Amino acid sequence: MKIAFNEATTLKNSTLKKDLELCEKYGYDLIEVRLDKLKEYLLENTVEDLKSFFQNNRIKPFAFNALEFINFRDEAGYQQIKDDLKFLCEIGEIIDCKKIIVVPTFDVGDYTQSQIKEESIRVLDELAELAVPYNVKLALEFVGYPNCSVNTFGQAYEIVTEVNKDNVGIVLDCFHFHAMGSKLEDLKNADPDKIFVFHIDDCEDLPVGALRDHHRVWPGEGAINLDPILKTLKEIGYDEMVSIELFRPEFWEWEVEKTIKVGKETTEKVVGNYFNVKVKS
């Protein structure tokens, strides 16, 4: 199991350049590159600079995070999604990053579950076709908030299954899985090849529907029972990668190096109970 770093964990106090240097120092295998951090990086650096870094270091790019609010968009908003998709596909071609996380829209109004499903399938189908020439995969990330249009593992998995494209899969995030009470049985029945990205995190002990990103804590230090999730992933045969992703403002106040170091240590400690996460030489 390779260990990745998601830049949300240092969102407010770091840059892509700093994250890369420190993640390399602490032995991360992979990084999820945030779209906003990438655009910021390119103001003073080139794509070739980024390519060179990855070529000359151990850490590699795994996914771009994220195209947000992809369904139920107006014409201008949806065009921006497609423009950003093309931008990321073109960058990914150069730096060899072939996955993009896509996030459903919040507060969509009084649409039924079937209408949400239909719209999500339509959008994913179209975006996936645009990604095909670049050999890029799209990973749908359900968000465990009551007001997100796609907010459980089962709902998201049903959508990507019905899209039925090789380049469309799902993000499994432990926080989102716990936050809206996703069912372990749905994960047990999932095809591991459809799990494109695995985010690990933990959270405070709040009821279903009340949790928000700022309630996240380090893996193993919160209320989520991570063991059944990790055990199930091992049983179904998933062992590609795990990415530490927190949005906790408290940790944005820390020194960036401390955050990246603690993220690696806590992830190894928890995931190492089920998977080999030893740093490869």
C-alpha atoms as a PDB file:
ATOM      1  CA  MET A   1       0.000   0.000   0.000  1.00  0.00           C
ATOM      2  CA  LYS A   2       1.553   3.282  -1.100  1.00  0.00           C
ATOM      3  CA  ILE A   3       1.132   6.350   1.091  1.00  0.00           C
ATOM      4  CA  ALA A   4       0.015   9.642  -0.445  1.00  0.00           C
ATOM      5  CA  PHE A   5      -0.384  13.182   0.817  1.00  0.00           C
ATOM      6  CA  ASN A   6      -3.460  15.279   0.074  1.00  0.00           C
ATOM      7  CA  GLU A   7      -2.681  19.001   0.037  1.00  0.00           C
ATOM      8  CA  ALA A   8      -5.879  19.910   1.897  1.00  0.00           C
ATOM      9  CA  THR A   9      -3.959  18.864   5.009  1.00  0.00           C
ATOM     10  CA  THR A  10      -1.708  21.939   4.642  1.00  0.00           C
ATOM     11  CA  LEU A  11      -4.218  24.014   2.699  1.00  0.00           C
ATOM     12  CA  LYS A  12      -3.765  27.447   4.275  1.00  0.00           C
ATOM     13  CA  ASN A  13      -0.074  27.505   5.141  1.00  0.00           C
ATOM     14  CA  SER A  14       1.835  25.828   2.336  1.00  0.00           C
ATOM     15  CA  THR A  15       2.457  25.642  -1.388  1.00  0.00           C
ATOM     16  CA  LEU A  16       2.763  22.821  -3.876  1.00  0.00           C
ATOM     17  CA  LYS A  17       6.519  23.347  -3.996  1.00  0.00           C
ATOM     18  CA  LYS A  18       6.901  23.152  -0.214  1.00  0.00           C
ATOM     19  CA  ASP A  19       4.552  20.167   0.062  1.00  0.00           C
ATOM     20  CA  LEU A  20       6.528  18.298  -2.571  1.00  0.00           C
ATOM     21  CA  GLU A  21       9.886  18.942  -0.936  1.00  0.00           C
ATOM     22  CA  LEU A  22       8.701  17.891   2.538  1.00  0.00           C
ATOM     23  CA  CYS A  23       6.717  14.880   1.325  1.00  0.00           C
ATOM     24  CA  GLU A  24       9.847  13.694  -0.450  1.00  0.00           C
ATOM     25  CA  LYS A  25      11.848  14.227   2.741  1.00  0.00           C
ATOM     26  CA  TYR A  26       9.444  12.125   4.833  1.00  0.00           C
ATOM     27  CA  GLY A  27       9.139   9.293   2.356  1.00  0.00           C
ATOM     28  CA  TYR A  28       5.666   9.651   0.880  1.00  0.00           C
ATOM     29  CA  ASP A  29       5.184   7.606  -2.275  1.00  0.00           C
ATOM     30  CA  LEU A  30       2.544   9.824  -3.876  1.00  0.00           C
ATOM     31  CA  ILE A  31       0.855  13.215  -3.775  1.00  0.00           C
ATOM     32  CA  GLU A  32      -2.619  14.438  -4.699  1.00  0.00           C
ATOM     33  CA  VAL A  33      -2.106  17.787  -6.390  1.00  0.00           C
ATOM     34  CA  ARG A  34      -4.762  20.414  -5.639  1.00  0.00           C
ATOM     35  CA  LEU A  35      -6.023  22.396  -8.620  1.00  0.00           C
ATOM     36  CA  ASP A  36      -5.708  25.727  -6.801  1.00  0.00           C
ATOM     37  CA  LYS A  37      -2.169  24.948  -5.611  1.00  0.00           C
ATOM     38  CA  LEU A  38      -1.192  23.880  -9.121  1.00  0.00           C
ATOM     39  CA  LYS A  39      -2.422  27.122 -10.647  1.00  0.00           C
ATOM     40  CA  GLU A  40      -0.572  29.071  -7.943  1.00  0.00           C
ATOM     41  CA  TYR A  41       2.611  27.078  -8.639  1.00  0.00           C
ATOM     42  CA  LEU A  42       2.414  27.821 -12.364  1.00  0.00           C
ATOM     43  CA  LEU A  43       2.457  31.561 -11.745  1.00  0.00           C
ATOM     44  CA  GLU A  44       6.188  31.347 -10.991  1.00  0.00           C
ATOM     45  CA  ASN A  45       7.153  27.908 -12.329  1.00  0.00           C
ATOM     46  CA  THR A  46       6.597  25.855 -15.466  1.00  0.00           C
ATOM     47  CA  VAL A  47       5.025  22.477 -16.081  1.00  0.00           C
ATOM     48  CA  GLU A  48       8.483  21.314 -17.112  1.00  0.00           C
ATOM     49  CA  ASP A  49       9.786  22.299 -13.669  1.00  0.00           C
ATOM     50  CA  LEU A  50       7.123  20.080 -12.124  1.00  0.00           C
ATOM     51  CA  LYS A  51       7.900  17.242 -14.507  1.00  0.00           C
ATOM     52  CA  SER A  52      11.581  17.519 -13.662  1.00  0.00           C
ATOM     53  CA  PHE A  53      10.884  17.358  -9.926  1.00  0.00           C
ATOM     54  CA  PHE A  54       8.938  14.131 -10.269  1.00  0.00           C
ATOM     55  CA  GLN A  55      11.542  12.631 -12.585  1.00  0.00           C
ATOM     56  CA  ASN A  56      14.338  13.383 -10.134  1.00  0.00           C
ATOM     57  CA  ASN A  57      12.624  12.371  -6.910  1.00  0.00           C
ATOM     58  CA  ARG A  58      10.950   9.346  -5.413  1.00  0.00           C
ATOM     59  CA  ILE A  59       7.484  10.846  -4.908  1.00  0.00           C
ATOM     60  CA  LYS A  60       5.069  10.710  -7.852  1.00  0.00           C
ATOM     61  CA  PRO A  61       1.760  12.424  -8.663  1.00  0.00           C
ATOM     62  CA  PHE A  62      -1.298  10.228  -8.202  1.00  0.00           C
ATOM     63  CA  ALA A  63      -4.373  12.399  -8.726  1.00  0.00           C
ATOM     64  CA  PHE A  64      -5.579  15.956  -9.175  1.00  0.00           C
ATOM     65  CA  ASN A  65      -8.013  17.205  -6.531  1.00  0.00           C
ATOM     66  CA  ALA A  66     -10.576  18.330  -7.589  1.00  0.00           C
ATOM     67  CA  LEU A  67     -13.195  19.351 -10.118  1.00  0.00           C
ATOM     68  CA  GLU A  68     -15.882  20.546  -7.729  1.00  0.00           C
ATOM     69  CA  PHE A  69     -19.663  20.646  -8.073  1.00  0.00           C
ATOM     70  CA  ILE A  70     -19.967  18.847 -11.391  1.00  0.00           C
ATOM     71  CA  ASN A  71     -23.717  18.176 -11.521  1.00  0.00           C
ATOM     72  CA  PHE A  72     -26.688  20.569 -11.767  1.00  0.00           C
ATOM     73  CA  ARG A  73     -24.529  23.408 -13.094  1.00  0.00           C
ATOM     74  CA  ASP A  74     -25.589  26.303 -15.292  1.00  0.00           C
ATOM     75  CA  GLU A  75     -24.013  26.581 -18.726  1.00  0.00           C
ATOM     76  CA  ALA A  76     -21.131  28.827 -17.653  1.00  0.00           C
ATOM     77  CA  GLY A  77     -20.337  26.757 -14.596  1.00  0.00           C
ATOM     78  CA  TYR A  78     -20.354  23.508 -16.520  1.00  0.00           C
ATOM     79  CA  GLN A  79     -18.135  24.997 -19.216  1.00  0.00           C
ATOM     80  CA  GLN A  80     -15.622  25.925 -16.501  1.00  0.00           C
ATOM     81  CA  ILE A  81     -15.656  22.303 -15.309  1.00  0.00           C
ATOM     82  CA  LYS A  82     -14.877  21.132 -18.852  1.00  0.00           C
ATOM     83  CA  ASP A  83     -12.161  23.764 -19.279  1.00  0.00           C
ATOM     84  CA  ASP A  84     -10.504  22.730 -16.007  1.00  0.00           C
ATOM     85  CA  LEU A  85     -10.807  19.087 -17.005  1.00  0.00           C
ATOM     86  CA  LYS A  86      -8.942  19.761 -20.236  1.00  0.00           C
ATOM     87  CA  PHE A  87      -6.322  21.802 -18.370  1.00  0.00           C
ATOM     88  CA  LEU A  88      -5.682  18.988 -15.877  1.00  0.00           C
ATOM     89  CA  CYS A  89      -5.634  16.347 -18.602  1.00  0.00           C
ATOM     90  CA  GLU A  90      -3.001  18.316 -20.495  1.00  0.00           C
ATOM     91  CA  ILE A  91      -0.880  18.844 -17.381  1.00  0.00           C
ATOM     92  CA  GLY A  92      -1.347  15.195 -16.473  1.00  0.00           C
ATOM     93  CA  GLU A  93      -0.064  14.164 -19.878  1.00  0.00           C
ATOM     94  CA  ILE A  94       3.210  15.938 -19.140  1.00  0.00           C
ATOM     95  CA  ILE A  95       3.748  14.911 -15.498  1.00  0.00           C
ATOM     96  CA  ASP A  96       2.102  11.465 -15.786  1.00  0.00           C
ATOM     97  CA  CYS A  97      -0.854  12.090 -13.477  1.00  0.00           C
ATOM     98  CA  LYS A  98      -3.823  10.143 -14.770  1.00  0.00           C
ATOM     99  CA  LYS A  99      -6.603  10.515 -12.195  1.00  0.00           C
ATOM    100  CA  ILE A 100      -8.887  13.443 -11.416  1.00  0.00           C
ATOM    101  CA  ILE A 101     -11.226  13.573  -8.431  1.00  0.00           C
ATOM    102  CA  VAL A 102     -14.678  14.994  -9.161  1.00  0.00           C
ATOM    103  CA  VAL A 103     -17.075  16.236  -6.490  1.00  0.00           C
ATOM    104  CA  PRO A 104     -20.889  16.450  -6.649  1.00  0.00           C
ATOM    105  CA  THR A 105     -22.834  19.652  -6.024  1.00  0.00           C
ATOM    106  CA  PHE A 106     -24.407  20.787  -2.735  1.00  0.00           C
ATOM    107  CA  ASP A 107     -27.813  22.367  -2.124  1.00  0.00           C
ATOM    108  CA  VAL A 108     -29.331  21.365  -5.461  1.00  0.00           C
ATOM    109  CA  GLY A 109     -32.927  21.841  -4.364  1.00  0.00           C
ATOM    110  CA  ASP A 110     -35.844  19.446  -4.446  1.00  0.00           C
ATOM    111  CA  TYR A 111     -34.524  16.892  -6.892  1.00  0.00           C
ATOM    112  CA  THR A 112     -35.471  13.286  -6.270  1.00  0.00           C
ATOM    113  CA  GLN A 113     -32.910  10.548  -5.753  1.00  0.00           C
ATOM    114  CA  SER A 114     -33.622   9.233  -9.241  1.00  0.00           C
ATOM    115  CA  GLN A 115     -33.155  12.697 -10.766  1.00  0.00           C
ATOM    116  CA  ILE A 116     -29.858  13.135  -8.912  1.00  0.00           C
ATOM    117  CA  LYS A 117     -28.730   9.748 -10.152  1.00  0.00           C
ATOM    118  CA  GLU A 118     -29.738  10.504 -13.739  1.00  0.00           C
ATOM    119  CA  GLU A 119     -27.992  13.896 -13.776  1.00  0.00           C
ATOM    120  CA  SER A 120     -24.833  12.515 -12.141  1.00  0.00           C
ATOM    121  CA  ILE A 121     -24.642   9.687 -14.664  1.00  0.00           C
ATOM    122  CA  ARG A 122     -25.141  12.110 -17.556  1.00  0.00           C
ATOM    123  CA  VAL A 123     -22.384  14.448 -16.411  1.00  0.00           C
ATOM    124  CA  LEU A 124     -19.918  11.693 -15.538  1.00  0.00           C
ATOM    125  CA  ASP A 125     -20.524  10.021 -18.868  1.00  0.00           C
ATOM    126  CA  GLU A 126     -19.793  13.224 -20.773  1.00  0.00           C
ATOM    127  CA  LEU A 127     -16.736  14.210 -18.735  1.00  0.00           C
ATOM    128  CA  ALA A 128     -15.352  10.686 -18.946  1.00  0.00           C
ATOM    129  CA  GLU A 129     -15.578  10.786 -22.744  1.00  0.00           C
ATOM    130  CA  LEU A 130     -13.618  14.046 -22.761  1.00  0.00           C
ATOM    131  CA  ALA A 131     -10.935  12.370 -20.617  1.00  0.00           C
ATOM    132  CA  VAL A 132     -10.578   9.242 -22.763  1.00  0.00           C
ATOM    133  CA  PRO A 133      -8.092  10.685 -25.321  1.00  0.00           C
ATOM    134  CA  TYR A 134      -5.754  11.506 -22.433  1.00  0.00           C
ATOM    135  CA  ASN A 135      -6.161   8.091 -20.766  1.00  0.00           C
ATOM    136  CA  VAL A 136      -7.389   9.867 -17.633  1.00  0.00           C
ATOM    137  CA  LYS A 137      -9.683   8.333 -15.002  1.00  0.00           C
ATOM    138  CA  LEU A 138     -12.329  10.213 -13.023  1.00  0.00           C
ATOM    139  CA  ALA A 139     -12.968   9.363  -9.361  1.00  0.00           C
ATOM    140  CA  LEU A 140     -16.326  10.460  -7.923  1.00  0.00           C
ATOM    141  CA  GLU A 141     -16.024  11.576  -4.307  1.00  0.00           C
ATOM    142  CA  PHE A 142     -19.278  11.454  -2.354  1.00  0.00           C
ATOM    143  CA  VAL A 143     -19.358  13.986   0.480  1.00  0.00           C
ATOM    144  CA  GLY A 144     -20.874  12.972   3.820  1.00  0.00           C
ATOM    145  CA  TYR A 145     -22.967  16.093   4.351  1.00  0.00           C
ATOM    146  CA  PRO A 146     -26.794  15.961   4.320  1.00  0.00           C
ATOM    147  CA  ASN A 147     -26.938  18.733   1.710  1.00  0.00           C
ATOM    148  CA  CYS A 148     -24.568  17.081  -0.782  1.00  0.00           C
ATOM    149  CA  SER A 149     -26.383  15.581  -3.766  1.00  0.00           C
ATOM    150  CA  VAL A 150     -24.282  12.392  -3.528  1.00  0.00           C
ATOM    151  CA  ASN A 151     -23.442  11.658   0.096  1.00  0.00           C
ATOM    152  CA  THR A 152     -23.039   7.907   0.705  1.00  0.00           C
ATOM    153  CA  PHE A 153     -20.762   5.210  -0.642  1.00  0.00           C
ATOM    154  CA  GLY A 154     -23.705   3.127  -1.841  1.00  0.00           C
ATOM    155  CA  GLN A 155     -25.259   6.009  -3.765  1.00  0.00           C
ATOM    156  CA  ALA A 156     -21.950   6.954  -5.412  1.00  0.00           C
ATOM    157  CA  TYR A 157     -21.055   3.351  -6.216  1.00  0.00           C
ATOM    158  CA  GLU A 158     -24.421   2.779  -7.895  1.00  0.00           C
ATOM    159  CA  ILE A 159     -23.834   5.850 -10.061  1.00  0.00           C
ATOM    160  CA  VAL A 160     -20.351   4.848 -11.225  1.00  0.00           C
ATOM    161  CA  THR A 161     -21.515   1.281 -11.816  1.00  0.00           C
ATOM    162  CA  GLU A 162     -24.312   2.469 -14.087  1.00  0.00           C
ATOM    163  CA  VAL A 163     -21.971   4.824 -15.949  1.00  0.00           C
ATOM    164  CA  ASN A 164     -20.107   1.590 -16.682  1.00  0.00           C
ATOM    165  CA  LYS A 165     -16.906   3.074 -18.071  1.00  0.00           C
ATOM    166  CA  ASP A 166     -13.406   1.829 -17.329  1.00  0.00           C
ATOM    167  CA  ASN A 167     -12.259   5.363 -16.567  1.00  0.00           C
ATOM    168  CA  VAL A 168     -14.976   6.157 -13.989  1.00  0.00           C
ATOM    169  CA  GLY A 169     -14.626   5.026 -10.382  1.00  0.00           C
ATOM    170  CA  ILE A 170     -15.056   6.179  -6.817  1.00  0.00           C
ATOM    171  CA  VAL A 171     -13.184   7.852  -3.963  1.00  0.00           C
ATOM    172  CA  LEU A 172     -13.498   6.117  -0.609  1.00  0.00           C
ATOM    173  CA  ASP A 173     -12.939   8.676   2.148  1.00  0.00           C
ATOM    174  CA  CYS A 174     -13.225   7.320   5.702  1.00  0.00           C
ATOM    175  CA  PHE A 175     -14.592  10.617   7.052  1.00  0.00           C
ATOM    176  CA  HIS A 176     -17.322  10.847   4.418  1.00  0.00           C
ATOM    177  CA  PHE A 177     -18.071   7.131   4.776  1.00  0.00           C
ATOM    178  CA  HIS A 178     -18.637   7.584   8.520  1.00  0.00           C
ATOM    179  CA  ALA A 179     -20.280  11.020   8.412  1.00  0.00           C
ATOM    180  CA  MET A 180     -23.511   9.934   6.686  1.00  0.00           C
ATOM    181  CA  GLY A 181     -23.553   6.355   7.892  1.00  0.00           C
ATOM    182  CA  SER A 182     -22.464   4.560   4.717  1.00  0.00           C
ATOM    183  CA  LYS A 183     -22.885   0.798   4.953  1.00  0.00           C
ATOM    184  CA  LEU A 184     -19.928  -1.528   5.329  1.00  0.00           C
ATOM    185  CA  GLU A 185     -21.885  -4.134   3.381  1.00  0.00           C
ATOM    186  CA  ASP A 186     -21.780  -1.868   0.311  1.00  0.00           C
ATOM    187  CA  LEU A 187     -17.996  -1.719   0.575  1.00  0.00           C
ATOM    188  CA  LYS A 188     -17.790  -5.483   0.999  1.00  0.00           C
ATOM    189  CA  ASN A 189     -19.702  -5.922  -2.254  1.00  0.00           C
ATOM    190  CA  ALA A 190     -17.618  -3.390  -4.199  1.00  0.00           C
ATOM    191  CA  ASP A 191     -15.220  -4.159  -7.019  1.00  0.00           C
ATOM    192  CA  PRO A 192     -11.791  -3.041  -5.744  1.00  0.00           C
ATOM    193  CA  ASP A 193     -10.869  -1.931  -9.257  1.00  0.00           C
ATOM    194  CA  LYS A 194     -13.608   0.707  -9.011  1.00  0.00           C
ATOM    195  CA  ILE A 195     -12.002   2.284  -5.938  1.00  0.00           C
ATOM    196  CA  PHE A 196      -9.645   4.724  -7.611  1.00  0.00           C
ATOM    197  CA  VAL A 197      -8.616   6.745  -4.526  1.00  0.00           C
ATOM    198  CA  PHE A 198      -8.625   5.947  -0.794  1.00  0.00           C
ATOM    199  CA  HIS A 199      -8.551   8.814   1.732  1.00  0.00           C
ATOM    200  CA  ILE A 200      -7.826   8.130   5.386  1.00  0.00           C
ATOM    201  CA  ASP A 201      -8.759  10.430   8.260  1.00  0.00           C
ATOM    202  CA  ASP A 202     -10.678  10.370  11.513  1.00  0.00           C
ATOM    203  CA  CYS A 203     -13.100  12.704  13.265  1.00  0.00           C
ATOM    204  CA  GLU A 204     -14.711  13.942  16.461  1.00  0.00           C
ATOM    205  CA  ASP A 205     -17.619  12.013  17.954  1.00  0.00           C
ATOM    206  CA  LEU A 206     -20.601  13.850  16.467  1.00  0.00           C
ATOM    207  CA  PRO A 207     -23.871  12.323  15.250  1.00  0.00           C
ATOM    208  CA  VAL A 208     -24.598  11.284  11.677  1.00  0.00           C
ATOM    209  CA  GLY A 209     -25.319  14.386   9.616  1.00  0.00           C
ATOM    210  CA  ALA A 210     -23.573  16.814  11.994  1.00  0.00           C
ATOM    211  CA  LEU A 211     -19.957  16.297  10.985  1.00  0.00           C
ATOM    212  CA  ARG A 212     -18.087  18.804   8.829  1.00  0.00           C
ATOM    213  CA  ASP A 213     -14.548  18.878   7.451  1.00  0.00           C
ATOM    214  CA  HIS A 214     -13.197  20.926  10.358  1.00  0.00           C
ATOM    215  CA  HIS A 215     -14.065  18.053  12.712  1.00  0.00           C
ATOM    216  CA  ARG A 216     -11.418  15.808  11.136  1.00  0.00           C
ATOM    217  CA  VAL A 217      -8.509  14.538  13.244  1.00  0.00           C
ATOM    218  CA  TRP A 218      -5.495  12.298  12.627  1.00  0.00           C
ATOM    219  CA  PRO A 219      -6.187   8.618  11.828  1.00  0.00           C
ATOM    220  CA  GLY A 220      -6.611   6.566  14.993  1.00  0.00           C
ATOM    221  CA  GLU A 221      -7.277   9.601  17.187  1.00  0.00           C
ATOM    222  CA  GLY A 222     -11.028   9.970  16.678  1.00  0.00           C
ATOM    223  CA  ALA A 223     -14.394   8.254  16.700  1.00  0.00           C
ATOM    224  CA  ILE A 224     -14.259   6.378  13.387  1.00  0.00           C
ATOM    225  CA  ASN A 225     -13.755   2.638  13.682  1.00  0.00           C
ATOM    226  CA  LEU A 226     -11.176   2.397  10.902  1.00  0.00           C
ATOM    227  CA  ASP A 227     -10.448  -1.290  11.460  1.00  0.00           C
ATOM    228  CA  PRO A 228     -13.541  -2.665   9.655  1.00  0.00           C
ATOM    229  CA  ILE A 229     -12.908  -0.389   6.678  1.00  0.00           C
ATOM    230  CA  LEU A 230      -9.258  -1.421   6.380  1.00  0.00           C
ATOM    231  CA  LYS A 231     -10.089  -5.079   7.008  1.00  0.00           C
ATOM    232  CA  THR A 232     -12.763  -5.003   4.308  1.00  0.00           C
ATOM    233  CA  LEU A 233     -10.439  -3.342   1.813  1.00  0.00           C
ATOM    234  CA  LYS A 234      -7.885  -6.071   2.436  1.00  0.00           C
ATOM    235  CA  GLU A 235     -10.534  -8.780   2.044  1.00  0.00           C
ATOM    236  CA  ILE A 236     -11.840  -7.460  -1.281  1.00  0.00           C
ATOM    237  CA  GLY A 237      -8.306  -7.077  -2.617  1.00  0.00           C
ATOM    238  CA  TYR A 238      -7.710  -3.327  -2.601  1.00  0.00           C
ATOM    239  CA  ASP A 239      -4.130  -2.380  -1.762  1.00  0.00           C
ATOM    240  CA  GLU A 240      -3.082   0.381  -4.171  1.00  0.00           C
ATOM    241  CA  MET A 241      -2.765   3.567  -2.135  1.00  0.00           C
ATOM    242  CA  VAL A 242      -3.948   5.522   0.891  1.00  0.00           C
ATOM    243  CA  SER A 243      -3.902   9.310   1.161  1.00  0.00           C
ATOM    244  CA  ILE A 244      -3.972  11.346   4.349  1.00  0.00           C
ATOM    245  CA  GLU A 245      -6.540  14.152   3.975  1.00  0.00           C
ATOM    246  CA  LEU A 246      -7.513  16.556   6.731  1.00  0.00           C
ATOM    247  CA  PHE A 247      -9.185  19.964   6.555  1.00  0.00           C
ATOM    248  CA  ARG A 248      -8.646  20.888  10.207  1.00  0.00           C
ATOM    249  CA  PRO A 249      -7.858  24.600  10.665  1.00  0.00           C
ATOM    250  CA  GLU A 250      -5.878  23.841  13.837  1.00  0.00           C
ATOM    251  CA  PHE A 251      -3.319  21.929  11.785  1.00  0.00           C
ATOM    252  CA  TRP A 252      -3.033  24.771   9.277  1.00  0.00           C
ATOM    253  CA  GLU A 253      -1.496  26.738  12.151  1.00  0.00           C
ATOM    254  CA  TRP A 254       1.278  24.185  12.617  1.00  0.00           C
ATOM    255  CA  GLU A 255       4.647  24.299  10.937  1.00  0.00           C
ATOM    256  CA  VAL A 256       4.160  22.604   7.572  1.00  0.00           C
ATOM    257  CA  GLU A 257       6.953  20.132   8.226  1.00  0.00           C
ATOM    258  CA  LYS A 258       5.347  18.981  11.462  1.00  0.00           C
ATOM    259  CA  THR A 259       1.995  18.428   9.755  1.00  0.00           C
ATOM    260  CA  ILE A 260       3.504  16.392   6.946  1.00  0.00           C
ATOM    261  CA  LYS A 261       5.596  14.333   9.372  1.00  0.00           C
ATOM    262  CA  VAL A 262       2.672  13.578  11.705  1.00  0.00           C
ATOM    263  CA  GLY A 263       0.442  12.732   8.745  1.00  0.00           C
ATOM    264  CA  LYS A 264       2.892  10.105   7.564  1.00  0.00           C
ATOM    265  CA  GLU A 265       3.429   8.623  11.025  1.00  0.00           C
ATOM    266  CA  THR A 266      -0.252   8.359  11.949  1.00  0.00           C
ATOM    267  CA  THR A 267      -1.170   6.879   8.564  1.00  0.00           C
ATOM    268  CA  GLU A 268       1.587   4.253   8.776  1.00  0.00           C
ATOM    269  CA  LYS A 269       0.572   3.318  12.310  1.00  0.00           C
ATOM    270  CA  VAL A 270      -3.085   2.690  11.458  1.00  0.00           C
ATOM    271  CA  VAL A 271      -2.793   1.283   7.947  1.00  0.00           C
ATOM    272  CA  GLY A 272       0.228  -0.797   8.871  1.00  0.00           C
ATOM    273  CA  ASN A 273      -2.013  -3.060  10.948  1.00  0.00           C
ATOM    274  CA  TYR A 274      -3.472  -4.428   7.722  1.00  0.00           C
ATOM    275  CA  PHE A 275      -1.117  -3.544   4.876  1.00  0.00           C
ATOM    276  CA  ASN A 276       2.564  -3.363   4.154  1.00  0.00           C
ATOM    277  CA  VAL A 277       3.357   0.334   4.165  1.00  0.00           C
ATOM    278  CA  LYS A 278       7.116   0.123   4.608  1.00  0.00           C
ATOM    279  CA  VAL A 279       9.073   2.703   2.642  1.00  0.00           C
ATOM    280  CA  LYS A 280      10.675   1.072  -0.373  1.00  0.00           C
ATOM    281  CA  SER A 281      14.282   1.915  -1.123  1.00  0.00           C
END
